[in-house]
Amino acid sequence: MFEISSKSNGALFNVGNEKTPIFVVDDFMANTTDIINEAASLNYINGQEHNNYYPGVRAPVGEGYGMAVLKAIAPIFYNVFKVPKDLTLYPINGSYSLLTQHEKEMNLLQCIPHYDTNKMFSFAVIHYINPGEFGGTAFYRHKPTQFENITEGRKDTYMKEAQNFFDLHGAPEQKYFTRGTEHYELLNIIDYKPNRLVIYPSTLLHSAFIENPQHDVNNDVRSGRLTSNFFIEFN
């Protein structure tokens, strides 16, 4: 049911001044029909109930699909991201994610780029699933600090400087963050392409790049911006 494509094609990108690696695999699965069918059969809850700020709804991926993804990408972390071989992969979670939140419903933290964790050797994986043209994923630099990755040692400085910016300039515009501003500089966009998989360090500032929310915000699992998202740590 959930087979990795023999025609998959991977490429490594380094973004920003910090040369952070991002790995992109096109034509990742042999087909996505069974993935879409599984996703459409599930019950979804609001992203905030998963203790995150995802602007939509999520449901856990099934074991078959989840294990197929993890087995296929495990060597990439050691060979491409240079994770030490003595560290073990631990999947934190895997979810189907559907973008459903309208801009008027967004809170401040959803209107700026974010990081997932501050931990070294932690990674985010996103698989673009549904056919169609949707916004991809963008990566940013925080201008006041020039930070692109918010590591544990940088967290306090970043939070302080971000708050200082809000205090001086006011809250960000209530909308999906896309192009650069005086606060954040756009570094790179990985476009949405059906059956494309993207892997990047969880410390890297990023955001869904939604320039056309009238199209991309869609409650239908079979026609909306459906992705799967995995968070992985090594210990």
Foldseek 3Di string as FASTA:
>chain_A
DWAFDPPKDKDWFQWDPVRFIKMKIASGTVAQVVVLVQQQVDDWDAPVVVVDQQQFTKDFGDPVNVVNVCVVCVVCCCPPVVDDPVWDKDWPGKIKTAHAHDLVPHDQVQAFWDFQDQDPQKKKKKWFAADDFFFFKWFKAFPVVRDFFCHPVNPVVVVVVVVVCCVVPNGDDSDHDAADDPGIHTIDTDGRDHGMMMMGHRRGTMGGHGPDCVQQNDPRSRRHRIMMMIMMHID
